[in-house]
């Protein structure tokens, strides 16, 4: 392929010079009567040269790049997560090292800064966003508001705004987000009340230990995903094909906000289709895994649609119409 690219580059150069009335081999001007000096011929040569440079060569270069062997990524050993089974203690000495952010930061960003004060290998449980948000809500600084898709948001009250807590709206990674940022005065307020947040974190640790002692399993202590028949009646079956991630989102929306049931992930649904011989796993020439419907899958509502990716290349998206969605609903409590 590199040799072909060089030939195309040379051809483009030859055509360009001929269109300008120059012999590309000798660099001498062509005689007045030469056919390449005619206006119509000159324009055609110039057009073909532009086409080679703008259309043909970029495609050949992309194909060559795709064929090039990828560098083997050296995997680093996975860091062992520190065991955090001790109560959190933030001493005045530790807190004296806290550096306030000059620019407004999110509550989560403030929590990360606080956690950086905890000594490594101390075994102490770190603060989480919910610990601080709970305290601020009790103090009348934040209040819960319903956001898009029914998600609870912790946003400042008028009193919170007076203390430097600011409501912010921004597009983050293509999604519209609404959250709270803390000016320096708000950061100082949290630090003045930090022991209340520490107590909240230690209560969380105590509940976790109680669950462990009672024999509950799982990181979250939640039940595996399941829905009732009444909940399933609210699933919006769409005859138009949708991706498997949308099926998972719709199923999770059936759960109450205070549910103690784990959410279902799109991979769980996809893997079930594979296990039932509705989907087949394949690899392309570069070793990348993709999925295609089997004959049985096609007969049960799994379809593909041609789409254009970010790099301009076409690919087939696997989608699920109403028949395939109803198939999931019939077996939903068997998936997890």
Protein backbone atom coordinates (compact mmCIF):
# COMPACT_ATOMS: atom_id res chain seq x y z
CA UNK A 1 0.00 0.00 0.00
CA UNK A 2 2.77 2.57 0.75
CA UNK A 3 4.08 2.10 -2.81
CA UNK A 4 0.59 2.71 -4.22
CA UNK A 5 0.28 5.89 -2.16
CA UNK A 6 3.60 7.15 -3.53
CA UNK A 7 2.43 6.43 -7.08
CA UNK A 8 -0.79 8.39 -6.49
CA UNK A 9 1.23 11.28 -5.02
CA UNK A 10 3.50 11.31 -8.09
CA UNK A 11 0.51 11.14 -10.44
CA UNK A 12 -1.11 14.09 -8.67
CA UNK A 13 2.12 16.08 -9.03
CA UNK A 14 2.42 15.20 -12.74
CA UNK A 15 -1.17 16.23 -13.42
CA UNK A 16 -0.73 19.47 -11.49
CA UNK A 17 2.33 20.48 -13.52
CA UNK A 18 0.77 19.47 -16.84
CA UNK A 19 -2.29 21.59 -16.03
CA UNK A 20 0.10 24.53 -15.56
CA UNK A 21 1.79 23.89 -18.92
CA UNK A 22 4.99 22.41 -17.48
CA UNK A 23 6.68 19.14 -18.43
CA UNK A 24 6.92 17.29 -15.05
CA UNK A 25 10.00 15.34 -16.18
CA UNK A 26 12.12 18.19 -17.50
CA UNK A 27 10.50 21.19 -15.74
CA UNK A 28 10.42 22.94 -19.13
CA UNK A 29 7.39 24.87 -20.39
CA UNK A 30 5.29 22.98 -22.92
CA UNK A 31 5.09 24.37 -26.49
CA UNK A 32 2.21 26.76 -27.19
CA UNK A 33 0.46 24.20 -29.39
CA UNK A 34 0.66 21.34 -26.84
CA UNK A 35 -2.71 19.81 -26.02
CA UNK A 36 -2.13 20.32 -22.25
CA UNK A 37 -1.95 24.09 -22.85
CA UNK A 38 -5.57 24.12 -24.02
CA UNK A 39 -7.86 25.66 -21.39
CA UNK A 40 -10.41 22.83 -21.22
CA UNK A 41 -7.72 20.15 -20.97
CA UNK A 42 -5.84 22.17 -18.35
CA UNK A 43 -8.97 22.49 -16.18
CA UNK A 44 -9.67 18.75 -16.44
CA UNK A 45 -6.12 17.88 -15.40
CA UNK A 46 -6.35 20.24 -12.44
CA UNK A 47 -9.71 18.74 -11.40
CA UNK A 48 -8.34 15.17 -11.47
CA UNK A 49 -5.28 16.28 -9.46
CA UNK A 50 -7.56 17.82 -6.79
CA UNK A 51 -9.70 14.67 -6.73
CA UNK A 52 -6.67 12.45 -6.14
CA UNK A 53 -5.40 14.65 -3.32
CA UNK A 54 -8.70 15.31 -1.54
CA UNK A 55 -10.63 12.06 -2.12
CA UNK A 56 -8.43 9.14 -3.10
CA UNK A 57 -5.30 9.68 -1.00
CA UNK A 58 -7.07 10.21 2.38
CA UNK A 59 -8.98 6.94 1.93
CA UNK A 60 -5.82 5.01 1.07
CA UNK A 61 -3.98 6.53 4.05
CA UNK A 62 -6.82 5.53 6.42
CA UNK A 63 -6.81 1.98 5.06
CA UNK A 64 -3.06 1.75 5.51
CA UNK A 65 -3.31 3.06 9.07
CA UNK A 66 -6.02 0.53 9.91
CA UNK A 67 -3.79 -2.32 8.69
CA UNK A 68 -0.81 -1.19 10.74
CA UNK A 69 -0.25 -3.39 13.81
CA UNK A 70 -1.36 -1.68 16.98
CA UNK A 71 1.10 -1.16 19.77
CA UNK A 72 0.67 -3.70 22.51
CA UNK A 73 -0.58 -1.91 25.61
CA UNK A 74 1.41 -2.83 28.68
CA UNK A 75 -1.05 -3.51 31.46
CA UNK A 76 -0.09 -2.27 34.87
CA UNK A 77 -0.88 -4.45 37.85
CA UNK A 78 -4.27 -3.52 39.25
CA UNK A 79 -3.92 -1.56 42.44
CA UNK A 80 -5.19 -3.41 45.47
CA UNK A 81 -8.07 -1.47 46.98
CA UNK A 82 -7.36 -0.42 50.51
CA UNK A 83 -9.52 -2.06 53.15
CA UNK A 84 -11.63 0.68 54.75
CA UNK A 85 -13.15 -0.77 57.89
CA UNK A 86 -12.14 1.86 60.44
CA UNK A 87 -14.04 4.95 61.49
CA UNK A 88 -13.10 8.25 59.88
CA UNK A 89 -11.22 10.77 62.00
CA UNK A 90 -10.32 14.23 60.70
CA UNK A 91 -8.16 15.95 63.29
CA UNK A 92 -7.59 19.73 63.50
CA UNK A 93 -4.03 19.10 62.33
CA UNK A 94 -5.25 17.29 59.22
CA UNK A 95 -7.88 19.94 58.48
CA UNK A 96 -5.30 22.72 58.79
CA UNK A 97 -3.68 21.37 55.61
CA UNK A 98 -6.87 21.76 53.58
CA UNK A 99 -6.46 24.17 50.65
CA UNK A 100 -9.58 26.03 49.58
CA UNK A 101 -10.29 26.24 45.86
CA UNK A 102 -10.19 29.80 44.57
CA UNK A 103 -12.71 28.99 41.85
CA UNK A 104 -16.13 27.45 42.61
CA UNK A 105 -16.00 23.65 42.76
CA UNK A 106 -18.67 20.97 42.97
CA UNK A 107 -19.55 19.29 46.24
CA UNK A 108 -17.96 16.10 44.87
CA UNK A 109 -14.77 18.03 44.10
CA UNK A 110 -14.71 19.39 47.63
CA UNK A 111 -15.14 15.86 49.03
CA UNK A 112 -12.19 14.62 46.94
CA UNK A 113 -10.01 17.37 48.40
CA UNK A 114 -11.02 16.39 51.92
CA UNK A 115 -10.30 12.70 51.28
CA UNK A 116 -6.79 13.57 50.13
CA UNK A 117 -6.07 14.51 53.77
CA UNK A 118 -6.67 10.91 54.95
CA UNK A 119 -3.32 9.14 55.46
CA UNK A 120 -2.63 6.28 53.06
CA UNK A 121 -3.13 2.78 54.48
CA UNK A 122 -4.96 4.22 57.47
CA UNK A 123 -7.93 1.95 56.81
CA UNK A 124 -10.32 4.83 57.52
CA UNK A 125 -13.56 5.04 55.56
CA UNK A 126 -13.57 8.05 53.20
CA UNK A 127 -16.29 10.65 52.90
CA UNK A 128 -18.72 10.35 50.00
CA UNK A 129 -20.90 12.97 48.35
CA UNK A 130 -24.02 11.66 50.10
CA UNK A 131 -22.49 12.23 53.55
CA UNK A 132 -22.00 15.93 52.90
CA UNK A 133 -25.25 16.38 50.98
CA UNK A 134 -27.23 14.82 53.83
CA UNK A 135 -25.74 17.23 56.38
CA UNK A 136 -26.28 20.25 54.12
CA UNK A 137 -29.90 19.20 53.60
CA UNK A 138 -30.47 18.95 57.36
CA UNK A 139 -28.95 22.40 57.79
CA UNK A 140 -31.36 23.86 55.23
CA UNK A 141 -28.57 24.60 52.75
CA UNK A 142 -29.61 22.13 50.05
CA UNK A 143 -33.00 20.76 49.08
CA UNK A 144 -33.98 17.92 46.79
CA UNK A 145 -35.56 18.79 43.46
CA UNK A 146 -36.68 16.42 40.73
CA UNK A 147 -34.52 16.68 37.64
CA UNK A 148 -34.71 15.08 34.21
CA UNK A 149 -35.90 11.46 34.13
CA UNK A 150 -36.99 11.74 37.77
CA UNK A 151 -33.44 11.96 39.14
CA UNK A 152 -33.12 13.71 42.52
CA UNK A 153 -30.92 16.80 42.54
CA UNK A 154 -29.45 18.50 45.62
CA UNK A 155 -29.70 22.22 44.86
CA UNK A 156 -29.16 25.29 47.05
CA UNK A 157 -31.98 26.93 48.99
CA UNK A 158 -32.12 30.76 49.23
CA UNK A 159 -30.22 30.42 52.54
CA UNK A 160 -27.65 28.23 50.81
CA UNK A 161 -27.18 30.83 48.09
CA UNK A 162 -26.47 33.44 50.74
CA UNK A 163 -23.67 31.22 52.03
CA UNK A 164 -22.07 30.80 48.60
CA UNK A 165 -23.71 27.65 47.25
CA UNK A 166 -24.52 28.16 43.56
CA UNK A 167 -26.84 26.32 41.19
CA UNK A 168 -25.03 25.49 37.92
CA UNK A 169 -26.27 24.19 34.58
CA UNK A 170 -23.79 22.83 32.07
CA UNK A 171 -23.42 20.35 29.21
CA UNK A 172 -21.01 17.65 30.35
CA UNK A 173 -19.96 14.97 27.84
CA UNK A 174 -23.03 15.73 25.76
CA UNK A 175 -25.50 15.56 28.66
CA UNK A 176 -27.28 18.49 30.26
CA UNK A 177 -26.40 18.55 33.97
CA UNK A 178 -27.69 20.59 36.90
CA UNK A 179 -25.67 20.57 40.13
CA UNK A 180 -24.35 22.68 43.01
CA UNK A 181 -20.99 24.43 43.16
CA UNK A 182 -19.32 25.86 46.26
CA UNK A 183 -17.68 29.25 46.37
CA UNK A 184 -14.92 29.72 48.94
CA UNK A 185 -17.40 30.89 51.59
CA UNK A 186 -19.46 27.72 51.01
CA UNK A 187 -16.34 25.57 51.30
CA UNK A 188 -15.58 27.20 54.65
CA UNK A 189 -19.13 26.48 55.83
CA UNK A 190 -18.72 22.77 55.03
CA UNK A 191 -15.37 22.70 56.80
CA UNK A 192 -16.90 24.35 59.88
CA UNK A 193 -19.49 21.55 59.93
CA UNK A 194 -17.19 18.76 58.83
CA UNK A 195 -17.51 16.73 62.03
CA UNK A 196 -21.23 16.31 61.31
CA UNK A 197 -20.25 14.88 57.91
CA UNK A 198 -17.70 12.60 59.58
CA UNK A 199 -20.43 11.31 61.92
CA UNK A 200 -22.63 10.62 58.90
CA UNK A 201 -19.83 8.60 57.26
CA UNK A 202 -19.24 6.59 60.43
CA UNK A 203 -22.96 5.81 60.68
CA UNK A 204 -22.75 4.49 57.13
CA UNK A 205 -19.81 2.28 58.13
CA UNK A 206 -21.75 0.95 61.13
CA UNK A 207 -24.71 0.01 58.90
CA UNK A 208 -22.35 -1.76 56.51
CA UNK A 209 -20.89 -3.82 59.35
CA UNK A 210 -24.37 -4.68 60.59
CA UNK A 211 -25.31 -5.97 57.13
CA UNK A 212 -22.13 -8.06 57.01
CA UNK A 213 -22.82 -9.55 60.43
CA UNK A 214 -26.39 -10.41 59.44
CA UNK A 215 -25.08 -12.37 56.45
CA UNK A 216 -26.16 -9.98 53.67
CA UNK A 217 -24.00 -10.24 50.58
CA UNK A 218 -23.16 -7.91 47.73
CA UNK A 219 -21.33 -4.60 47.72
CA UNK A 220 -24.51 -2.57 47.90
CA UNK A 221 -26.53 -4.89 50.13
CA UNK A 222 -29.30 -4.67 47.54
CA UNK A 223 -31.46 -7.38 46.03
CA UNK A 224 -30.81 -8.61 42.52
CA UNK A 225 -32.78 -6.89 39.78
CA UNK A 226 -36.40 -8.02 39.56
CA UNK A 227 -39.72 -6.38 38.74
CA UNK A 228 -43.33 -7.28 39.46
CA UNK A 229 -46.05 -7.91 36.89
CA UNK A 230 -47.68 -4.59 37.83
CA UNK A 231 -44.40 -2.75 37.24
CA UNK A 232 -43.95 -4.46 33.87
CA UNK A 233 -47.28 -3.06 32.72
CA UNK A 234 -45.65 0.38 32.76
CA UNK A 235 -42.85 -0.62 30.38
CA UNK A 236 -43.26 1.48 27.19
CA UNK A 237 -42.91 -1.14 24.45
CA UNK A 238 -41.82 0.63 21.28
CA UNK A 239 -42.36 -1.03 17.92
CA UNK A 240 -39.54 1.11 16.55
CA UNK A 241 -36.16 -0.63 17.03
CA UNK A 242 -34.10 0.65 20.00
CA UNK A 243 -30.61 -0.23 21.31
CA UNK A 244 -30.22 -2.62 24.23
CA UNK A 245 -29.06 0.26 26.46
CA UNK A 246 -32.48 1.88 26.00
CA UNK A 247 -34.21 -1.36 27.04
CA UNK A 248 -32.09 -1.40 30.23
CA UNK A 249 -32.90 2.25 30.95
CA UNK A 250 -36.64 1.66 30.56
CA UNK A 251 -36.50 -1.37 32.86
CA UNK A 252 -34.61 0.58 35.52
CA UNK A 253 -37.17 3.38 35.31
CA UNK A 254 -39.79 0.87 36.49
CA UNK A 255 -38.11 0.67 39.92
CA UNK A 256 -39.23 3.08 42.65
CA UNK A 257 -36.69 5.77 43.53
CA UNK A 258 -36.19 4.35 47.03
CA UNK A 259 -35.96 0.76 45.76
CA UNK A 260 -33.52 -1.66 47.37
CA UNK A 261 -33.11 -3.48 44.05
CA UNK A 262 -29.96 -3.30 41.95
CA UNK A 263 -30.25 -1.83 38.47
CA UNK A 264 -29.85 -3.97 35.38
CA UNK A 265 -27.11 -3.26 32.84
CA UNK A 266 -27.30 -3.53 29.08
CA UNK A 267 -24.57 -6.20 29.03
CA UNK A 268 -26.75 -8.46 31.16
CA UNK A 269 -29.54 -8.27 28.58
CA UNK A 270 -27.16 -8.63 25.63
CA UNK A 271 -25.44 -11.66 27.19
CA UNK A 272 -28.83 -13.29 27.75
CA UNK A 273 -29.61 -12.91 24.04
CA UNK A 274 -26.26 -14.57 23.29
CA UNK A 275 -26.97 -17.45 25.69
CA UNK A 276 -30.35 -18.02 24.02
CA UNK A 277 -28.73 -18.13 20.54
CA UNK A 278 -30.43 -14.89 19.44
CA UNK A 279 -27.10 -13.07 19.11
CA UNK A 280 -23.73 -14.27 17.90
CA UNK A 281 -20.36 -12.87 18.94
CA UNK A 282 -17.83 -12.25 16.17
CA UNK A 283 -14.47 -10.54 15.65
CA UNK A 284 -13.42 -8.26 12.81
CA UNK A 285 -10.05 -8.27 11.09
CA UNK A 286 -8.58 -6.11 13.85
CA UNK A 287 -9.78 -8.43 16.59
CA UNK A 288 -12.57 -6.13 17.78
CA UNK A 289 -15.64 -7.98 19.11
CA UNK A 290 -19.07 -7.21 17.69
CA UNK A 291 -22.47 -8.90 17.74
CA UNK A 292 -24.85 -9.90 14.98
CA UNK A 293 -28.32 -11.46 15.17
CA UNK A 294 -28.57 -15.16 14.41
CA UNK A 295 -31.33 -16.46 12.15
CA UNK A 296 -33.43 -17.09 15.25
CA UNK A 297 -32.67 -13.57 16.49
CA UNK A 298 -33.75 -12.02 13.20
CA UNK A 299 -37.00 -13.94 13.40
CA UNK A 300 -37.56 -12.57 16.92
CA UNK A 301 -37.17 -8.88 16.25
CA UNK A 302 -33.42 -8.22 16.35
CA UNK A 303 -32.39 -6.05 13.40
CA UNK A 304 -29.35 -4.14 12.19
CA UNK A 305 -29.17 -0.62 10.84
CA UNK A 306 -26.24 0.89 8.95
CA UNK A 307 -24.80 3.94 10.68
CA UNK A 308 -21.78 6.21 10.36
CA UNK A 309 -19.27 6.29 13.22
CA UNK A 310 -17.19 9.20 14.50
CA UNK A 311 -14.33 8.30 12.18
CA UNK A 312 -16.63 8.37 9.16
CA UNK A 313 -16.72 4.59 8.72
CA UNK A 314 -19.97 2.68 8.34
CA UNK A 315 -21.01 0.08 10.92
CA UNK A 316 -24.09 -2.01 11.70
CA UNK A 317 -25.93 -1.13 14.91
CA UNK A 318 -27.89 -3.97 16.56
CA UNK A 319 -31.41 -2.85 17.52
CA UNK A 320 -34.45 -4.52 19.08
CA UNK A 321 -38.01 -3.93 17.88
CA UNK A 322 -41.23 -4.54 19.79
CA UNK A 323 -41.06 -8.33 19.38
CA UNK A 324 -37.55 -8.51 20.87
CA UNK A 325 -38.48 -6.13 23.69
CA UNK A 326 -41.47 -8.29 24.63
CA UNK A 327 -39.14 -11.29 24.62
CA UNK A 328 -37.04 -9.53 27.28
CA UNK A 329 -40.14 -8.73 29.33
CA UNK A 330 -41.25 -12.37 29.25
CA UNK A 331 -37.93 -13.47 30.78
CA UNK A 332 -36.91 -10.30 32.64
CA UNK A 333 -36.57 -11.91 36.06
CA UNK A 334 -34.34 -14.63 34.62
CA UNK A 335 -31.76 -12.22 33.19
CA UNK A 336 -29.74 -11.23 36.26
